[in-house]
Amino acid sequence: MSNDETVSNESSQEQPVTGGESLAWWHWHRQLYNWVIHFADTPHGERALFLLSFAESSFFPVPPDVLLAPLTLGAPKKWFRFAFACSIASILGGILGYCIGMFLWSVIGDWVLANMGWAGLTEANFDRFQGWYDRHDFKIVFVCGFTPLPYKVCTITAGIAEISFLWFLIASTVSRSARFFIVAGLMGWKGEKIRPVIEKYFNWFSLAIVALLIGGFLVIKWIH
């Protein structure tokens, strides 16, 4: 084998297989979704919802909505209870994220950026949010709390930017509560009719969430 062929083969081996990596991520995302949603059929559903909502505010990649919806479908009369638990847990998790950013980021920041990109905790996202806080302060929390923008990045960068904790708490409480009460209210009211559609077209709904995420970033860029 010639040197040119050797170099060519080595170069081809070093090239990342983007399509394969994307498929692997997609499969992993679906598995994680299935693992989360299975709690809806167990006696631990409500506790799992609380823990999921808390964790999603600082590091976990799956939003609590995916468990909140089926739990509410299974017990429509408990929609208010589920939404309230989800909101409280998310707000407490947001406070934890804020404290991580303010008090621990100098110690753990490099490790998080190097190892937790799978949860949306990337240097690019952090730089983007830091810039938004410089221009818009706590108003970004309202946007992140209600939209598919990564709330965990929002809470940690809020602490890093040292925005007003009181306004951070108010914005988180209003936006997260509004989001979860709307989801639970709709599921408790008409959810059973649309559940088969959600299950059948899960991948398309995931794509829609990604589109909303990109749209959220564009909106914030536009209002600047």
N, C-alpha and C. Protein backbone atom coordinates (compact mmCIF):
# COMPACT_ATOMS: atom_id res chain seq x y z
N MET A 1 0.86 -1.20 0.00
CA MET A 1 0.00 0.00 0.00
C MET A 1 0.89 1.25 0.00
N SER A 2 0.58 2.23 -0.83
CA SER A 2 1.38 3.44 -0.91
C SER A 2 1.13 4.35 0.28
N ASN A 3 2.08 5.32 0.45
CA ASN A 3 1.92 6.28 1.54
C ASN A 3 0.67 7.12 1.37
N ASP A 4 0.36 7.48 0.10
CA ASP A 4 -0.83 8.30 -0.15
C ASP A 4 -2.09 7.56 0.26
N GLU A 5 -2.13 6.25 -0.05
CA GLU A 5 -3.31 5.46 0.30
C GLU A 5 -3.44 5.33 1.81
N THR A 6 -2.27 5.19 2.48
CA THR A 6 -2.30 5.08 3.94
C THR A 6 -2.85 6.34 4.57
N VAL A 7 -2.33 7.50 4.09
CA VAL A 7 -2.81 8.78 4.61
C VAL A 7 -4.29 8.94 4.34
N SER A 8 -4.72 8.53 3.12
CA SER A 8 -6.13 8.66 2.76
C SER A 8 -7.01 7.83 3.68
N ASN A 9 -6.59 6.59 3.98
CA ASN A 9 -7.37 5.73 4.86
C ASN A 9 -7.43 6.27 6.27
N GLU A 10 -6.28 6.77 6.76
CA GLU A 10 -6.26 7.32 8.12
C GLU A 10 -7.17 8.53 8.22
N SER A 11 -7.14 9.37 7.17
CA SER A 11 -7.97 10.56 7.19
C SER A 11 -9.44 10.21 7.21
N SER A 12 -9.81 9.17 6.43
CA SER A 12 -11.21 8.78 6.37
C SER A 12 -11.67 8.20 7.69
N GLN A 13 -10.73 7.53 8.40
CA GLN A 13 -11.10 6.97 9.69
C GLN A 13 -11.29 8.04 10.73
N GLU A 14 -10.56 9.17 10.57
CA GLU A 14 -10.66 10.24 11.55
C GLU A 14 -11.89 11.10 11.35
N GLN A 15 -12.51 11.00 10.18
CA GLN A 15 -13.69 11.80 9.90
C GLN A 15 -14.86 11.34 10.74
N PRO A 16 -15.53 12.25 11.45
CA PRO A 16 -16.69 11.85 12.25
C PRO A 16 -17.85 11.43 11.38
N VAL A 17 -18.50 10.38 11.75
CA VAL A 17 -19.67 9.90 11.00
C VAL A 17 -20.89 10.64 11.55
N THR A 18 -21.14 11.80 10.97
CA THR A 18 -22.17 12.68 11.51
C THR A 18 -23.54 12.03 11.52
N GLY A 19 -23.88 11.37 10.41
CA GLY A 19 -25.19 10.74 10.34
C GLY A 19 -25.35 9.67 11.40
N GLY A 20 -24.31 8.83 11.57
CA GLY A 20 -24.38 7.78 12.58
C GLY A 20 -24.49 8.33 13.98
N GLU A 21 -23.72 9.40 14.25
CA GLU A 21 -23.78 10.02 15.57
C GLU A 21 -25.16 10.60 15.83
N SER A 22 -25.74 11.20 14.79
CA SER A 22 -27.08 11.78 14.95
C SER A 22 -28.11 10.70 15.25
N LEU A 23 -27.98 9.57 14.50
CA LEU A 23 -28.91 8.47 14.75
C LEU A 23 -28.74 7.89 16.14
N ALA A 24 -27.48 7.80 16.58
CA ALA A 24 -27.21 7.28 17.92
C ALA A 24 -27.82 8.20 18.97
N TRP A 25 -27.65 9.52 18.77
CA TRP A 25 -28.23 10.47 19.73
C TRP A 25 -29.74 10.36 19.73
N TRP A 26 -30.32 10.23 18.53
CA TRP A 26 -31.77 10.14 18.43
C TRP A 26 -32.29 8.91 19.15
N HIS A 27 -31.60 7.77 18.97
CA HIS A 27 -31.99 6.52 19.63
C HIS A 27 -31.87 6.65 21.14
N TRP A 28 -30.77 7.26 21.57
CA TRP A 28 -30.56 7.47 23.01
C TRP A 28 -31.64 8.38 23.59
N HIS A 29 -32.01 9.42 22.85
CA HIS A 29 -33.04 10.35 23.29
C HIS A 29 -34.38 9.65 23.45
N ARG A 30 -34.69 8.77 22.49
CA ARG A 30 -35.95 8.04 22.56
C ARG A 30 -35.94 7.07 23.74
N GLN A 31 -34.81 6.40 23.98
CA GLN A 31 -34.72 5.48 25.11
C GLN A 31 -34.90 6.22 26.43
N LEU A 32 -34.28 7.39 26.52
CA LEU A 32 -34.41 8.18 27.75
C LEU A 32 -35.86 8.63 27.94
N TYR A 33 -36.50 9.03 26.86
CA TYR A 33 -37.90 9.40 26.90
C TYR A 33 -38.76 8.24 27.39
N ASN A 34 -38.52 7.05 26.83
CA ASN A 34 -39.29 5.88 27.23
C ASN A 34 -39.08 5.54 28.70
N TRP A 35 -37.83 5.69 29.16
CA TRP A 35 -37.54 5.41 30.57
C TRP A 35 -38.30 6.38 31.48
N VAL A 36 -38.32 7.65 31.11
CA VAL A 36 -39.02 8.66 31.91
C VAL A 36 -40.52 8.39 31.91
N ILE A 37 -41.08 8.14 30.73
CA ILE A 37 -42.53 8.04 30.62
C ILE A 37 -43.07 6.76 31.26
N HIS A 38 -42.22 5.74 31.45
CA HIS A 38 -42.72 4.50 32.03
C HIS A 38 -43.16 4.69 33.47
N PHE A 39 -42.67 5.75 34.12
CA PHE A 39 -43.07 6.02 35.50
C PHE A 39 -44.55 6.37 35.62
N ALA A 40 -45.15 6.77 34.50
CA ALA A 40 -46.57 7.11 34.51
C ALA A 40 -47.42 5.89 34.83
N ASP A 41 -46.89 4.69 34.59
CA ASP A 41 -47.63 3.46 34.84
C ASP A 41 -47.18 2.75 36.12
N THR A 42 -46.49 3.48 36.99
CA THR A 42 -46.02 2.91 38.25
C THR A 42 -46.59 3.71 39.42
N PRO A 43 -46.52 3.14 40.63
CA PRO A 43 -46.99 3.90 41.81
C PRO A 43 -46.09 5.07 42.16
N HIS A 44 -44.93 5.16 41.49
CA HIS A 44 -43.97 6.20 41.82
C HIS A 44 -44.05 7.40 40.87
N GLY A 45 -45.10 7.46 40.08
CA GLY A 45 -45.21 8.49 39.06
C GLY A 45 -45.10 9.91 39.58
N GLU A 46 -45.82 10.21 40.64
CA GLU A 46 -45.82 11.58 41.14
C GLU A 46 -44.46 11.96 41.73
N ARG A 47 -43.83 11.02 42.45
CA ARG A 47 -42.49 11.29 43.00
C ARG A 47 -41.48 11.45 41.87
N ALA A 48 -41.61 10.61 40.84
CA ALA A 48 -40.70 10.72 39.69
C ALA A 48 -40.88 12.07 38.99
N LEU A 49 -42.11 12.54 38.89
CA LEU A 49 -42.39 13.83 38.28
C LEU A 49 -41.70 14.95 39.05
N PHE A 50 -41.79 14.90 40.37
CA PHE A 50 -41.16 15.93 41.21
C PHE A 50 -39.65 15.92 41.00
N LEU A 51 -39.03 14.74 41.04
CA LEU A 51 -37.59 14.64 40.89
C LEU A 51 -37.14 15.04 39.49
N LEU A 52 -37.91 14.63 38.47
CA LEU A 52 -37.58 14.98 37.10
C LEU A 52 -37.63 16.49 36.90
N SER A 53 -38.67 17.12 37.41
CA SER A 53 -38.83 18.56 37.26
C SER A 53 -37.70 19.30 37.98
N PHE A 54 -37.32 18.80 39.14
CA PHE A 54 -36.23 19.41 39.89
C PHE A 54 -34.90 19.27 39.13
N ALA A 55 -34.62 18.06 38.65
CA ALA A 55 -33.35 17.79 37.98
C ALA A 55 -33.23 18.51 36.65
N GLU A 56 -34.35 18.63 35.93
CA GLU A 56 -34.31 19.26 34.60
C GLU A 56 -33.91 20.72 34.68
N SER A 57 -34.08 21.33 35.84
CA SER A 57 -33.75 22.74 35.98
C SER A 57 -32.26 23.01 36.14
N SER A 58 -31.47 21.93 36.30
CA SER A 58 -30.04 22.15 36.48
C SER A 58 -29.15 21.22 35.65
N PHE A 59 -29.66 20.02 35.23
CA PHE A 59 -28.77 19.18 34.43
C PHE A 59 -29.48 18.15 33.55
N PHE A 60 -30.69 17.70 33.88
CA PHE A 60 -31.31 16.58 33.16
C PHE A 60 -31.90 17.06 31.85
N PRO A 61 -31.71 16.30 30.72
CA PRO A 61 -32.11 16.81 29.41
C PRO A 61 -33.58 16.65 29.05
N VAL A 62 -34.33 15.76 29.72
CA VAL A 62 -35.73 15.51 29.33
C VAL A 62 -36.66 16.43 30.14
N PRO A 63 -37.49 17.22 29.48
CA PRO A 63 -38.39 18.13 30.19
C PRO A 63 -39.49 17.36 30.92
N PRO A 64 -39.96 17.87 32.05
CA PRO A 64 -40.97 17.16 32.84
C PRO A 64 -42.32 17.04 32.16
N ASP A 65 -42.55 17.82 31.12
CA ASP A 65 -43.83 17.75 30.40
C ASP A 65 -44.14 16.34 29.91
N VAL A 66 -43.09 15.58 29.52
CA VAL A 66 -43.32 14.26 28.94
C VAL A 66 -43.86 13.27 29.97
N LEU A 67 -43.66 13.55 31.25
CA LEU A 67 -44.24 12.72 32.30
C LEU A 67 -45.51 13.36 32.86
N LEU A 68 -45.53 14.68 32.91
CA LEU A 68 -46.70 15.40 33.41
C LEU A 68 -47.93 15.07 32.58
N ALA A 69 -47.77 15.01 31.26
CA ALA A 69 -48.92 14.77 30.38
C ALA A 69 -49.56 13.39 30.61
N PRO A 70 -48.80 12.28 30.57
CA PRO A 70 -49.46 10.98 30.78
C PRO A 70 -49.97 10.78 32.20
N LEU A 71 -49.31 11.36 33.18
CA LEU A 71 -49.82 11.27 34.55
C LEU A 71 -51.19 11.92 34.64
N THR A 72 -51.32 13.07 34.01
CA THR A 72 -52.60 13.78 34.02
C THR A 72 -53.66 13.02 33.24
N LEU A 73 -53.24 12.38 32.15
CA LEU A 73 -54.19 11.56 31.39
C LEU A 73 -54.73 10.42 32.23
N GLY A 74 -53.88 9.83 33.06
CA GLY A 74 -54.29 8.71 33.89
C GLY A 74 -55.17 9.10 35.06
N ALA A 75 -55.03 10.35 35.51
CA ALA A 75 -55.83 10.83 36.65
C ALA A 75 -56.19 12.29 36.40
N PRO A 76 -57.14 12.55 35.49
CA PRO A 76 -57.46 13.92 35.09
C PRO A 76 -57.86 14.84 36.25
N LYS A 77 -58.49 14.28 37.28
CA LYS A 77 -58.94 15.11 38.39
C LYS A 77 -57.78 15.62 39.24
N LYS A 78 -56.60 15.04 39.05
CA LYS A 78 -55.42 15.45 39.82
C LYS A 78 -54.54 16.42 39.04
N TRP A 79 -55.06 17.00 37.97
CA TRP A 79 -54.23 17.84 37.11
C TRP A 79 -53.63 19.01 37.87
N PHE A 80 -54.42 19.62 38.77
CA PHE A 80 -53.90 20.77 39.53
C PHE A 80 -52.77 20.32 40.45
N ARG A 81 -52.93 19.18 41.10
CA ARG A 81 -51.92 18.66 42.01
C ARG A 81 -50.62 18.36 41.27
N PHE A 82 -50.73 17.74 40.10
CA PHE A 82 -49.54 17.43 39.32
C PHE A 82 -48.84 18.70 38.85
N ALA A 83 -49.60 19.66 38.36
CA ALA A 83 -49.02 20.91 37.88
C ALA A 83 -48.34 21.67 39.01
N PHE A 84 -48.97 21.66 40.19
CA PHE A 84 -48.41 22.37 41.33
C PHE A 84 -47.09 21.73 41.76
N ALA A 85 -47.07 20.39 41.85
CA ALA A 85 -45.84 19.69 42.25
C ALA A 85 -44.73 19.93 41.23
N CYS A 86 -45.09 19.89 39.97
CA CYS A 86 -44.11 20.11 38.91
C CYS A 86 -43.54 21.52 38.98
N SER A 87 -44.38 22.49 39.23
CA SER A 87 -43.95 23.89 39.30
C SER A 87 -43.02 24.12 40.49
N ILE A 88 -43.42 23.63 41.66
CA ILE A 88 -42.60 23.82 42.86
C ILE A 88 -41.23 23.18 42.69
N ALA A 89 -41.20 21.95 42.17
CA ALA A 89 -39.93 21.26 41.98
C ALA A 89 -39.04 21.99 40.99
N SER A 90 -39.64 22.50 39.91
CA SER A 90 -38.86 23.20 38.90
C SER A 90 -38.27 24.50 39.46
N ILE A 91 -39.05 25.20 40.26
CA ILE A 91 -38.57 26.44 40.87
C ILE A 91 -37.42 26.15 41.84
N LEU A 92 -37.58 25.10 42.65
CA LEU A 92 -36.50 24.72 43.57
C LEU A 92 -35.25 24.30 42.80
N GLY A 93 -35.44 23.55 41.73
CA GLY A 93 -34.31 23.16 40.89
C GLY A 93 -33.65 24.36 40.25
N GLY A 94 -34.46 25.35 39.88
CA GLY A 94 -33.91 26.58 39.32
C GLY A 94 -33.06 27.32 40.33
N ILE A 95 -33.50 27.34 41.58
CA ILE A 95 -32.71 27.96 42.64
C ILE A 95 -31.36 27.25 42.79
N LEU A 96 -31.40 25.91 42.71
CA LEU A 96 -30.15 25.14 42.77
C LEU A 96 -29.24 25.53 41.61
N GLY A 97 -29.80 25.62 40.40
CA GLY A 97 -29.00 26.03 39.25
C GLY A 97 -28.39 27.40 39.44
N TYR A 98 -29.17 28.32 39.96
CA TYR A 98 -28.68 29.68 40.22
C TYR A 98 -27.51 29.65 41.21
N CYS A 99 -27.64 28.86 42.27
CA CYS A 99 -26.58 28.75 43.27
C CYS A 99 -25.33 28.09 42.70
N ILE A 100 -25.53 27.10 41.81
CA ILE A 100 -24.38 26.47 41.14
C ILE A 100 -23.61 27.52 40.35
N GLY A 101 -24.34 28.35 39.62
CA GLY A 101 -23.69 29.37 38.82
C GLY A 101 -22.98 30.42 39.66
N MET A 102 -23.60 30.82 40.75
CA MET A 102 -23.03 31.90 41.56
C MET A 102 -21.88 31.43 42.45
N PHE A 103 -22.01 30.23 43.05
CA PHE A 103 -21.05 29.83 44.07
C PHE A 103 -20.10 28.71 43.66
N LEU A 104 -20.48 27.89 42.66
CA LEU A 104 -19.67 26.72 42.35
C LEU A 104 -19.06 26.72 40.96
N TRP A 105 -19.48 27.64 40.11
CA TRP A 105 -19.06 27.56 38.72
C TRP A 105 -17.55 27.67 38.55
N SER A 106 -16.90 28.47 39.35
CA SER A 106 -15.45 28.62 39.23
C SER A 106 -14.73 27.31 39.53
N VAL A 107 -15.38 26.42 40.29
CA VAL A 107 -14.78 25.15 40.67
C VAL A 107 -15.13 24.04 39.68
N ILE A 108 -16.40 23.98 39.26
CA ILE A 108 -16.85 22.84 38.44
C ILE A 108 -17.12 23.20 36.99
N GLY A 109 -16.99 24.47 36.63
CA GLY A 109 -17.37 24.91 35.29
C GLY A 109 -16.65 24.19 34.17
N ASP A 110 -15.34 24.05 34.28
CA ASP A 110 -14.57 23.39 33.21
C ASP A 110 -15.01 21.94 33.04
N TRP A 111 -15.25 21.25 34.16
CA TRP A 111 -15.67 19.86 34.08
C TRP A 111 -17.05 19.73 33.44
N VAL A 112 -17.97 20.61 33.81
CA VAL A 112 -19.33 20.57 33.26
C VAL A 112 -19.30 20.77 31.74
N LEU A 113 -18.56 21.77 31.30
CA LEU A 113 -18.50 22.06 29.87
C LEU A 113 -17.84 20.93 29.09
N ALA A 114 -16.92 20.21 29.73
CA ALA A 114 -16.21 19.13 29.06
C ALA A 114 -17.01 17.83 29.04
N ASN A 115 -17.94 17.66 29.97
CA ASN A 115 -18.57 16.35 30.13
C ASN A 115 -20.10 16.33 30.02
N MET A 116 -20.75 17.50 29.99
CA MET A 116 -22.21 17.51 30.03
C MET A 116 -22.84 18.22 28.85
N GLY A 117 -22.16 18.17 27.72
CA GLY A 117 -22.74 18.74 26.51
C GLY A 117 -24.03 18.05 26.11
N TRP A 118 -24.18 16.76 26.46
CA TRP A 118 -25.39 15.99 26.13
C TRP A 118 -26.64 16.58 26.78
N ALA A 119 -26.46 17.37 27.84
CA ALA A 119 -27.59 17.99 28.53
C ALA A 119 -27.81 19.43 28.09
N GLY A 120 -27.09 19.85 27.06
CA GLY A 120 -27.22 21.23 26.60
C GLY A 120 -26.29 22.20 27.29
N LEU A 121 -25.44 21.69 28.20
CA LEU A 121 -24.53 22.55 28.95
C LEU A 121 -23.22 22.67 28.17
N THR A 122 -23.26 23.48 27.12
CA THR A 122 -22.11 23.68 26.25
C THR A 122 -21.59 25.10 26.38
N GLU A 123 -20.33 25.28 26.01
CA GLU A 123 -19.73 26.60 26.10
C GLU A 123 -20.46 27.61 25.22
N ALA A 124 -20.88 27.16 24.03
CA ALA A 124 -21.60 28.05 23.12
C ALA A 124 -22.91 28.54 23.74
N ASN A 125 -23.65 27.62 24.36
CA ASN A 125 -24.91 28.01 25.00
C ASN A 125 -24.67 28.97 26.16
N PHE A 126 -23.65 28.70 26.94
CA PHE A 126 -23.36 29.57 28.08
C PHE A 126 -22.96 30.97 27.62
N ASP A 127 -22.12 31.04 26.60
CA ASP A 127 -21.72 32.35 26.08
C ASP A 127 -22.92 33.11 25.55
N ARG A 128 -23.82 32.38 24.87
CA ARG A 128 -25.01 33.01 24.30
C ARG A 128 -25.89 33.59 25.41
N PHE A 129 -26.14 32.79 26.43
CA PHE A 129 -26.99 33.26 27.53
C PHE A 129 -26.34 34.40 28.30
N GLN A 130 -25.04 34.36 28.47
CA GLN A 130 -24.35 35.45 29.15
C GLN A 130 -24.55 36.75 28.41
N GLY A 131 -24.46 36.68 27.09
CA GLY A 131 -24.69 37.87 26.28
C GLY A 131 -26.12 38.38 26.40
N TRP A 132 -27.07 37.46 26.45
CA TRP A 132 -28.47 37.86 26.61
C TRP A 132 -28.71 38.53 27.96
N TYR A 133 -28.11 37.99 28.99
CA TYR A 133 -28.29 38.60 30.31
C TYR A 133 -27.68 40.00 30.36
N ASP A 134 -26.58 40.18 29.66
CA ASP A 134 -25.96 41.51 29.63
C ASP A 134 -26.90 42.53 29.02
N ARG A 135 -27.74 42.08 28.06
CA ARG A 135 -28.63 43.01 27.36
C ARG A 135 -30.04 43.07 27.95
N HIS A 136 -30.54 41.91 28.43
CA HIS A 136 -31.95 41.84 28.81
C HIS A 136 -32.21 41.49 30.28
N ASP A 137 -31.16 41.15 31.01
CA ASP A 137 -31.27 40.84 32.43
C ASP A 137 -32.28 39.72 32.68
N PHE A 138 -33.13 39.88 33.72
CA PHE A 138 -33.99 38.78 34.16
C PHE A 138 -35.10 38.43 33.17
N LYS A 139 -35.36 39.30 32.20
CA LYS A 139 -36.45 39.03 31.24
C LYS A 139 -36.20 37.74 30.47
N ILE A 140 -34.94 37.36 30.32
CA ILE A 140 -34.61 36.11 29.64
C ILE A 140 -35.19 34.92 30.39
N VAL A 141 -35.27 35.01 31.71
CA VAL A 141 -35.79 33.91 32.52
C VAL A 141 -37.25 33.64 32.15
N PHE A 142 -38.03 34.71 31.91
CA PHE A 142 -39.42 34.53 31.50
C PHE A 142 -39.50 33.72 30.21
N VAL A 143 -38.64 34.07 29.24
CA VAL A 143 -38.66 33.39 27.94
C VAL A 143 -38.26 31.92 28.10
N CYS A 144 -37.18 31.69 28.84
CA CYS A 144 -36.68 30.32 29.01
C CYS A 144 -37.64 29.45 29.80
N GLY A 145 -38.27 30.03 30.80
CA GLY A 145 -39.15 29.25 31.66
C GLY A 145 -40.39 28.74 30.95
N PHE A 146 -40.80 29.45 29.89
CA PHE A 146 -42.05 29.10 29.22
C PHE A 146 -41.85 28.40 27.89
N THR A 147 -40.66 28.50 27.32
CA THR A 147 -40.40 27.96 25.98
C THR A 147 -39.45 26.76 26.06
N PRO A 148 -39.18 26.11 24.92
CA PRO A 148 -38.24 24.98 24.93
C PRO A 148 -36.77 25.38 25.07
N LEU A 149 -36.45 26.66 25.23
CA LEU A 149 -35.07 27.04 25.48
C LEU A 149 -34.56 26.30 26.72
N PRO A 150 -33.27 25.92 26.74
CA PRO A 150 -32.74 25.10 27.85
C PRO A 150 -32.75 25.84 29.19
N TYR A 151 -33.72 25.51 30.02
CA TYR A 151 -33.89 26.22 31.29
C TYR A 151 -32.70 26.01 32.21
N LYS A 152 -32.06 24.83 32.15
CA LYS A 152 -30.92 24.54 33.01
C LYS A 152 -29.77 25.50 32.73
N VAL A 153 -29.56 25.80 31.44
CA VAL A 153 -28.51 26.76 31.08
C VAL A 153 -28.89 28.15 31.57
N CYS A 154 -30.17 28.44 31.48
CA CYS A 154 -30.69 29.74 31.94
C CYS A 154 -30.43 29.94 33.43
N THR A 155 -30.74 28.92 34.24
CA THR A 155 -30.61 29.08 35.70
C THR A 155 -29.16 29.22 36.12
N ILE A 156 -28.28 28.40 35.53
CA ILE A 156 -26.87 28.46 35.93
C ILE A 156 -26.22 29.77 35.48
N THR A 157 -26.50 30.18 34.25
CA THR A 157 -25.91 31.43 33.77
C THR A 157 -26.49 32.64 34.49
N ALA A 158 -27.71 32.52 34.99
CA ALA A 158 -28.27 33.62 35.79
C ALA A 158 -27.44 33.83 37.05
N GLY A 159 -27.01 32.72 37.65
CA GLY A 159 -26.14 32.82 38.83
C GLY A 159 -24.77 33.35 38.47
N ILE A 160 -24.24 32.89 37.35
CA ILE A 160 -22.92 33.38 36.91
C ILE A 160 -22.97 34.88 36.65
N ALA A 161 -24.05 35.33 36.01
CA ALA A 161 -24.21 36.75 35.70
C ALA A 161 -24.61 37.57 36.92
N GLU A 162 -24.99 36.87 38.00
CA GLU A 162 -25.39 37.52 39.26
C GLU A 162 -26.53 38.51 39.06
N ILE A 163 -27.54 38.07 38.30
CA ILE A 163 -28.73 38.92 38.18
C ILE A 163 -29.48 38.89 39.51
N SER A 164 -30.40 39.79 39.70
CA SER A 164 -31.16 39.87 40.95
C SER A 164 -31.84 38.54 41.25
N PHE A 165 -31.55 37.97 42.42
CA PHE A 165 -32.17 36.69 42.78
C PHE A 165 -33.67 36.84 42.93
N LEU A 166 -34.13 37.97 43.47
CA LEU A 166 -35.56 38.18 43.65
C LEU A 166 -36.28 38.16 42.32
N TRP A 167 -35.74 38.88 41.33
CA TRP A 167 -36.38 38.92 40.01
C TRP A 167 -36.26 37.58 39.30
N PHE A 168 -35.14 36.89 39.53
CA PHE A 168 -34.99 35.55 38.98
C PHE A 168 -36.07 34.63 39.53
N LEU A 169 -36.33 34.71 40.82
CA LEU A 169 -37.33 33.87 41.46
C LEU A 169 -38.73 34.19 40.96
N ILE A 170 -39.03 35.49 40.82
CA ILE A 170 -40.35 35.89 40.32
C ILE A 170 -40.55 35.41 38.89
N ALA A 171 -39.55 35.63 38.04
CA ALA A 171 -39.66 35.24 36.63
C ALA A 171 -39.80 33.72 36.50
N SER A 172 -39.03 32.97 37.27
CA SER A 172 -39.11 31.51 37.23
C SER A 172 -40.47 31.02 37.69
N THR A 173 -40.97 31.60 38.78
CA THR A 173 -42.25 31.17 39.34
C THR A 173 -43.39 31.40 38.35
N VAL A 174 -43.42 32.57 37.75
CA VAL A 174 -44.50 32.90 36.81
C VAL A 174 -44.42 32.04 35.55
N SER A 175 -43.25 31.98 34.93
CA SER A 175 -43.14 31.30 33.64
C SER A 175 -43.27 29.78 33.77
N ARG A 176 -42.60 29.18 34.76
CA ARG A 176 -42.68 27.73 34.90
C ARG A 176 -44.08 27.28 35.32
N SER A 177 -44.69 28.01 36.23
CA SER A 177 -46.04 27.65 36.65
C SER A 177 -47.02 27.77 35.50
N ALA A 178 -46.91 28.84 34.73
CA ALA A 178 -47.80 29.02 33.58
C ALA A 178 -47.66 27.86 32.60
N ARG A 179 -46.44 27.47 32.32
CA ARG A 179 -46.20 26.38 31.37
C ARG A 179 -46.82 25.07 31.86
N PHE A 180 -46.55 24.69 33.09
CA PHE A 180 -46.99 23.39 33.58
C PHE A 180 -48.50 23.36 33.84
N PHE A 181 -49.07 24.46 34.27
CA PHE A 181 -50.52 24.48 34.49
C PHE A 181 -51.27 24.42 33.16
N ILE A 182 -50.70 25.02 32.12
CA ILE A 182 -51.34 24.94 30.80
C ILE A 182 -51.28 23.51 30.28
N VAL A 183 -50.11 22.88 30.39
CA VAL A 183 -49.96 21.49 29.91
C VAL A 183 -50.90 20.56 30.66
N ALA A 184 -50.87 20.63 32.00
CA ALA A 184 -51.72 19.75 32.81
C ALA A 184 -53.20 20.04 32.59
N GLY A 185 -53.54 21.32 32.46
CA GLY A 185 -54.93 21.68 32.23
C GLY A 185 -55.46 21.13 30.92
N LEU A 186 -54.66 21.24 29.86
CA LEU A 186 -55.08 20.73 28.56
C LEU A 186 -55.18 19.20 28.57
N MET A 187 -54.20 18.55 29.20
CA MET A 187 -54.24 17.09 29.26
C MET A 187 -55.42 16.59 30.09
N GLY A 188 -55.73 17.29 31.15
CA GLY A 188 -56.86 16.90 31.97
C GLY A 188 -58.20 17.14 31.29
N TRP A 189 -58.21 18.07 30.37
CA TRP A 189 -59.45 18.44 29.71
C TRP A 189 -59.69 17.62 28.43
N LYS A 190 -58.70 17.62 27.51
CA LYS A 190 -58.89 16.97 26.21
C LYS A 190 -57.76 16.01 25.85
N GLY A 191 -56.91 15.71 26.81
CA GLY A 191 -55.69 14.98 26.48
C GLY A 191 -55.89 13.59 25.91
N GLU A 192 -56.88 12.86 26.38
CA GLU A 192 -57.05 11.48 25.94
C GLU A 192 -57.31 11.39 24.44
N LYS A 193 -57.88 12.43 23.86
CA LYS A 193 -58.17 12.42 22.43
C LYS A 193 -56.91 12.59 21.59
N ILE A 194 -55.90 13.26 22.14
CA ILE A 194 -54.70 13.51 21.34
C ILE A 194 -53.52 12.62 21.74
N ARG A 195 -53.67 11.85 22.79
CA ARG A 195 -52.57 10.99 23.23
C ARG A 195 -52.11 10.00 22.15
N PRO A 196 -53.03 9.30 21.43
CA PRO A 196 -52.56 8.37 20.39
C PRO A 196 -51.74 9.07 19.30
N VAL A 197 -52.10 10.29 18.99
CA VAL A 197 -51.37 11.04 17.97
C VAL A 197 -49.96 11.35 18.45
N ILE A 198 -49.83 11.77 19.72
CA ILE A 198 -48.52 12.09 20.28
C ILE A 198 -47.62 10.85 20.28
N GLU A 199 -48.17 9.72 20.70
CA GLU A 199 -47.38 8.49 20.75
C GLU A 199 -46.94 8.04 19.35
N LYS A 200 -47.85 8.15 18.39
CA LYS A 200 -47.55 7.68 17.04
C LYS A 200 -46.53 8.55 16.33
N TYR A 201 -46.62 9.86 16.56
CA TYR A 201 -45.75 10.79 15.85
C TYR A 201 -44.74 11.46 16.78
N PHE A 202 -44.20 10.67 17.72
CA PHE A 202 -43.27 11.24 18.69
C PHE A 202 -42.08 11.92 18.01
N ASN A 203 -41.47 11.26 17.01
CA ASN A 203 -40.29 11.83 16.37
C ASN A 203 -40.58 13.18 15.72
N TRP A 204 -41.76 13.29 15.12
CA TRP A 204 -42.13 14.56 14.50
C TRP A 204 -42.36 15.64 15.56
N PHE A 205 -42.93 15.24 16.69
CA PHE A 205 -43.09 16.22 17.76
C PHE A 205 -41.74 16.66 18.31
N SER A 206 -40.78 15.74 18.35
CA SER A 206 -39.43 16.10 18.78
C SER A 206 -38.81 17.12 17.83
N LEU A 207 -39.01 16.90 16.53
CA LEU A 207 -38.51 17.85 15.55
C LEU A 207 -39.18 19.22 15.72
N ALA A 208 -40.47 19.19 16.05
CA ALA A 208 -41.19 20.45 16.27
C ALA A 208 -40.61 21.19 17.48
N ILE A 209 -40.23 20.44 18.51
CA ILE A 209 -39.64 21.06 19.69
C ILE A 209 -38.31 21.70 19.33
N VAL A 210 -37.51 21.00 18.51
CA VAL A 210 -36.25 21.57 18.07
C VAL A 210 -36.49 22.85 17.27
N ALA A 211 -37.52 22.84 16.41
CA ALA A 211 -37.85 24.03 15.63
C ALA A 211 -38.24 25.19 16.54
N LEU A 212 -39.02 24.87 17.57
CA LEU A 212 -39.41 25.91 18.54
C LEU A 212 -38.19 26.44 19.28
N LEU A 213 -37.26 25.54 19.60
CA LEU A 213 -36.04 25.95 20.28
C LEU A 213 -35.25 26.94 19.43
N ILE A 214 -35.06 26.59 18.14
CA ILE A 214 -34.35 27.48 17.24
C ILE A 214 -35.11 28.80 17.09
N GLY A 215 -36.44 28.68 17.00
CA GLY A 215 -37.25 29.89 16.90
C GLY A 215 -37.12 30.79 18.10
N GLY A 216 -37.01 30.19 19.28
CA GLY A 216 -36.83 30.97 20.50
C GLY A 216 -35.54 31.76 20.47
N PHE A 217 -34.47 31.11 20.02
CA PHE A 217 -33.19 31.82 19.90
C PHE A 217 -33.30 32.97 18.90
N LEU A 218 -33.99 32.72 17.77
CA LEU A 218 -34.11 33.77 16.76
C LEU A 218 -34.93 34.94 17.26
N VAL A 219 -35.98 34.64 18.04
CA VAL A 219 -36.81 35.71 18.59
C VAL A 219 -36.00 36.61 19.51
N ILE A 220 -35.20 35.97 20.39
CA ILE A 220 -34.40 36.76 21.32
C ILE A 220 -33.37 37.59 20.56
N LYS A 221 -32.80 36.99 19.49
CA LYS A 221 -31.85 37.74 18.67
C LYS A 221 -32.54 38.92 17.99
N TRP A 222 -33.80 38.69 17.55
CA TRP A 222 -34.54 39.73 16.86
C TRP A 222 -34.87 40.91 17.78
N ILE A 223 -35.26 40.58 19.06
CA ILE A 223 -35.66 41.66 19.95
C ILE A 223 -34.47 42.47 20.41
N HIS A 224 -33.24 41.94 20.19
CA HIS A 224 -32.05 42.74 20.49
C HIS A 224 -31.91 43.86 19.46
